[in-house]
Protein backbone atom coordinates (compact mmCIF):
# COMPACT_ATOMS: atom_id res chain seq x y z
CA MET A 1 -34.89 1.21 -96.13
CA ASN A 2 -35.16 1.66 -92.03
CA GLN A 3 -38.51 2.74 -90.29
CA LEU A 4 -36.76 6.20 -90.13
CA ASN A 5 -35.87 6.92 -93.34
CA SER A 6 -39.95 6.04 -93.91
CA LEU A 7 -40.96 8.96 -91.80
CA MET A 8 -42.27 12.20 -92.72
CA GLY A 9 -39.56 15.23 -91.92
CA PRO A 10 -40.46 18.44 -90.10
CA ILE A 11 -39.81 21.00 -91.46
CA ARG A 12 -35.77 22.64 -90.00
CA GLY A 13 -35.93 24.84 -87.36
CA ARG A 14 -39.75 25.08 -86.16
CA THR A 15 -40.91 23.53 -83.06
CA ASN A 16 -42.55 20.33 -84.26
CA LYS A 17 -45.61 18.97 -82.20
CA THR A 18 -46.14 15.35 -81.60
CA GLU A 19 -49.32 14.09 -79.65
CA VAL A 20 -49.03 10.61 -78.49
CA GLU A 21 -52.49 8.41 -78.56
CA LEU A 22 -52.02 5.81 -75.66
CA THR A 23 -53.94 2.56 -76.29
CA THR A 24 -57.22 1.83 -74.84
CA GLU A 25 -56.40 -0.57 -72.32
CA LYS A 26 -53.57 1.77 -71.16
CA LEU A 27 -55.96 4.51 -70.55
CA GLU A 28 -58.75 2.98 -68.91
CA SER A 29 -56.14 1.03 -66.68
CA SER A 30 -55.30 2.88 -63.39
CA GLU A 31 -51.21 2.22 -64.32
CA PRO A 32 -48.62 5.36 -64.73
CA VAL A 33 -47.12 6.34 -68.18
CA LYS A 34 -43.68 4.95 -68.48
CA ILE A 35 -41.10 7.28 -70.57
CA VAL A 36 -37.79 6.15 -71.14
CA VAL A 37 -35.69 9.05 -71.95
CA VAL A 38 -32.22 9.13 -73.91
CA ALA A 39 -29.26 10.83 -75.52
CA ASP A 40 -26.45 10.72 -77.05
CA THR A 41 -25.81 7.06 -77.63
CA HIS A 42 -23.34 8.32 -80.47
CA MET A 43 -23.84 4.36 -81.97
CA PRO A 44 -22.79 2.04 -83.73
CA ARG A 45 -18.93 4.01 -82.60
CA MET A 46 -19.94 3.68 -78.84
CA ALA A 47 -21.57 0.82 -78.77
CA LYS A 48 -23.15 -2.31 -81.04
CA ALA A 49 -26.23 -2.86 -79.48
CA LEU A 50 -28.15 -1.24 -76.85
CA PRO A 51 -27.52 -2.26 -73.39
CA PRO A 52 -28.91 -4.61 -71.29
CA THR A 53 -29.94 -2.29 -68.64
CA LEU A 54 -31.69 -0.06 -70.88
CA THR A 55 -33.35 -2.55 -73.14
CA GLU A 56 -34.96 -4.24 -69.65
CA GLU A 57 -36.28 -0.88 -68.66
CA LEU A 58 -37.17 0.03 -72.44
CA LYS A 59 -39.47 -3.63 -72.40
CA ASP A 60 -42.43 -1.86 -70.52
CA ALA A 61 -41.93 1.70 -71.90
CA ASP A 62 -44.87 3.32 -73.35
CA LEU A 63 -42.71 5.44 -75.39
CA ILE A 64 -38.83 6.62 -75.74
CA LEU A 65 -37.92 9.90 -76.09
CA HIS A 66 -34.09 10.27 -77.78
CA ALA A 67 -32.64 14.22 -77.41
CA GLY A 68 -30.23 13.69 -79.89
CA ASP A 69 -26.69 12.85 -81.48
CA TRP A 70 -27.94 9.51 -82.37
CA THR A 71 -25.18 9.61 -84.80
CA SER A 72 -26.52 6.77 -87.49
CA PRO A 73 -30.60 6.54 -88.69
CA ASP A 74 -30.38 3.10 -88.19
CA ILE A 75 -30.62 3.34 -84.65
CA TYR A 76 -34.01 3.97 -84.30
CA ASP A 77 -34.93 0.68 -85.46
CA LEU A 78 -33.19 -0.62 -82.03
CA PHE A 79 -35.37 1.52 -80.15
CA ALA A 80 -38.86 0.99 -82.25
CA VAL A 81 -38.86 -2.25 -81.97
CA TYR A 82 -39.94 -1.27 -77.69
CA ALA A 83 -42.69 1.35 -77.65
CA PRO A 84 -42.89 4.65 -80.37
CA ILE A 85 -40.20 6.74 -80.29
CA TYR A 86 -39.68 10.54 -80.89
CA GLY A 87 -36.83 12.58 -80.54
CA VAL A 88 -34.61 15.45 -82.21
CA ALA A 89 -31.03 15.67 -83.82
CA GLY A 90 -28.28 16.92 -82.24
CA ASN A 91 -24.73 18.41 -83.21
CA ASN A 92 -23.09 15.04 -84.08
CA ASP A 93 -26.34 14.08 -86.46
CA GLY A 94 -25.91 14.32 -90.22
CA ALA A 95 -28.99 15.54 -92.82
CA ALA A 96 -30.89 12.75 -92.44
CA ILE A 97 -31.37 12.99 -89.20
CA ALA A 98 -31.64 16.52 -89.38
CA GLU A 99 -34.47 16.89 -91.73
CA HIS A 100 -36.73 13.80 -90.39
CA TRP A 101 -36.07 14.74 -86.62
CA GLY A 102 -35.85 19.02 -86.51
CA TYR A 103 -33.83 20.22 -83.13
CA ARG A 104 -37.22 21.00 -81.07
CA ARG A 105 -40.13 18.85 -80.52
CA ILE A 106 -42.68 19.30 -77.92
CA VAL A 107 -44.44 16.07 -77.15
CA GLU A 108 -47.92 15.53 -75.54
CA ILE A 109 -48.59 12.78 -73.95
CA ALA A 110 -51.70 11.89 -70.91
CA GLY A 111 -51.83 15.83 -70.80
CA TRP A 112 -48.32 16.67 -70.13
CA GLN A 113 -46.54 19.23 -72.48
CA ILE A 114 -42.97 17.79 -72.67
CA GLY A 115 -40.26 20.10 -74.50
CA LEU A 116 -37.58 18.47 -76.42
CA THR A 117 -34.32 19.79 -77.70
CA HIS A 118 -30.84 18.28 -77.88
CA GLY A 119 -29.34 21.92 -76.16
CA HIS A 120 -26.09 23.06 -78.61
CA LEU A 121 -28.37 25.30 -80.23
CA GLY A 122 -28.55 28.90 -78.56
CA ARG A 123 -27.38 31.82 -77.06
CA GLY A 124 -24.26 30.77 -75.23
CA GLY A 125 -24.72 30.51 -71.35
CA GLY A 126 -24.20 26.89 -71.39
CA THR A 127 -26.37 23.20 -72.66
CA GLN A 128 -29.13 24.15 -69.72
CA ALA A 129 -29.49 27.60 -70.74
CA ASN A 130 -29.85 26.67 -74.48
CA ALA A 131 -32.06 24.45 -73.56
CA ALA A 132 -34.66 26.22 -71.75
CA ALA A 133 -34.17 29.51 -74.11
CA ALA A 134 -35.16 26.22 -76.84
CA PHE A 135 -39.01 26.83 -75.42
CA GLU A 136 -39.20 29.88 -74.03
CA GLY A 137 -42.90 31.25 -74.55
CA GLU A 138 -44.21 27.58 -74.88
CA GLU A 139 -46.45 25.93 -72.83
CA VAL A 140 -43.91 22.94 -71.50
CA ASP A 141 -44.32 21.55 -68.53
CA MET A 142 -40.85 20.11 -68.72
CA ILE A 143 -37.71 20.11 -71.04
CA VAL A 144 -35.60 16.94 -71.86
CA PHE A 145 -32.32 18.01 -73.43
CA GLY A 146 -28.72 15.98 -73.68
CA HIS A 147 -25.40 17.18 -75.22
CA SER A 148 -23.33 17.27 -72.20
CA HIS A 149 -23.65 13.51 -71.40
CA ILE A 150 -24.03 14.56 -67.77
CA PRO A 151 -27.09 13.77 -66.02
CA PHE A 152 -28.73 16.60 -64.67
CA LEU A 153 -32.26 17.46 -62.90
CA SER A 154 -33.90 20.94 -61.77
CA HIS A 155 -37.19 22.09 -61.09
CA ASP A 156 -37.19 25.71 -60.98
CA THR A 157 -36.43 26.53 -64.01
CA MET A 158 -38.06 29.88 -65.83
CA ILE A 159 -38.89 30.19 -69.76
CA SER A 160 -41.14 32.89 -69.00
CA GLU A 161 -42.60 35.41 -66.54
CA ASP A 162 -44.96 32.68 -65.02
CA ARG A 163 -44.03 29.94 -66.24
CA LYS A 164 -41.51 27.62 -64.34
CA VAL A 165 -40.02 24.08 -65.84
CA SER A 166 -38.17 20.67 -64.73
CA LEU A 167 -35.21 20.72 -66.81
CA PHE A 168 -34.09 17.00 -67.19
CA ASN A 169 -30.89 15.04 -68.69
CA PRO A 170 -30.69 11.48 -68.74
CA GLY A 171 -27.12 11.49 -69.35
CA SER A 172 -25.53 9.02 -71.81
CA PRO A 173 -26.21 5.27 -71.75
CA THR A 174 -23.08 4.66 -74.26
CA ASP A 175 -20.85 7.35 -74.13
CA LYS A 176 -19.97 8.40 -70.02
CA ARG A 177 -17.30 10.65 -71.12
CA TRP A 178 -15.85 12.10 -67.73
CA GLN A 179 -19.04 10.62 -65.81
CA LYS A 180 -18.39 7.43 -63.47
CA ARG A 181 -21.60 5.40 -64.81
CA TYR A 182 -23.54 5.31 -68.13
CA SER A 183 -27.11 6.49 -67.21
CA PHE A 184 -30.43 6.97 -68.88
CA GLY A 185 -33.84 8.55 -67.34
CA ILE A 186 -37.46 7.35 -66.85
CA ILE A 187 -39.87 9.83 -66.44
CA THR A 188 -43.34 8.91 -64.85
CA LEU A 189 -47.02 10.20 -65.48
CA ASN A 190 -49.10 9.87 -62.81
CA GLY A 191 -52.30 11.90 -63.46
CA MET A 192 -51.42 15.30 -62.11
CA LEU A 193 -48.13 13.78 -60.60
CA VAL A 194 -44.86 13.60 -62.46
CA SER A 195 -41.55 11.66 -61.36
CA PHE A 196 -37.97 11.66 -62.72
CA GLU A 197 -35.47 9.40 -62.16
CA HIS A 198 -31.74 8.76 -62.76
CA ARG A 199 -30.99 4.85 -64.03
CA TYR A 200 -27.00 4.22 -63.10
CA TYR A 201 -25.28 1.21 -64.41
CA ASP A 202 -21.48 0.70 -64.75
CA SER A 203 -21.05 -1.90 -68.18
CA LYS A 204 -22.59 -1.22 -70.99
CA ILE A 205 -22.32 -4.91 -71.97
C-alpha cells in the first residue's frame, strides 16, 4: 500500500485545515521557508517520472503543495521522498484521491495561511474566480490553484470586503498544453515577506 492510501481521509466538501510544523533546526535558523508548488501533473499518462528540473528544486524544499489532477495516488510517493506534501483533488482525480484530500484545504505554515484548491468547482466565471470563491470569508493570505495549466499570479484578488489576497497558479510541470513551456512554482516565506516565482523549462525528461 502506498503512503497516500495510508492517510486518514478528510470529509468531502469541507475546508480541511493542516498545520505544518517546521523542524527545530529550521525554526532556529534565519533561512526562509521554501515551498514548491505543482498542479496538473496528470501522471503517469503525461510523464513516467518527475522532470529533472523539478526534482532539483525539490531537494531543498520545506514543503510541497499539489493543487490537484494528480490522476494517480501513486504520484504522492514520488514527491514524498523529498518533503512533506499536501494537496487537493482535481476534476480528473478518482475517488481515492478525492476522499483523501478533499477539494479545499488551508495549510498553515510559518504564520501564513495558504488556501489550496483546484479551481474547477464554483459558480462559474472561470478558474481564477472559482479559486477565489472557494475561500470567500476565510482568513487566508494567498490562494494556490490549478486546472487551467496556465501560470498565473495576481496580488489584488478580493475574497471579502476587507481582505485582498494573492492568487497563484504554477502551471503544469508535465502537461503544458498550449503553453510554450512547462512550469511549476516556488513560494518563499521570509518572516513577514512572501515571494512568488514561476520556474519554466523546455523539456520534461
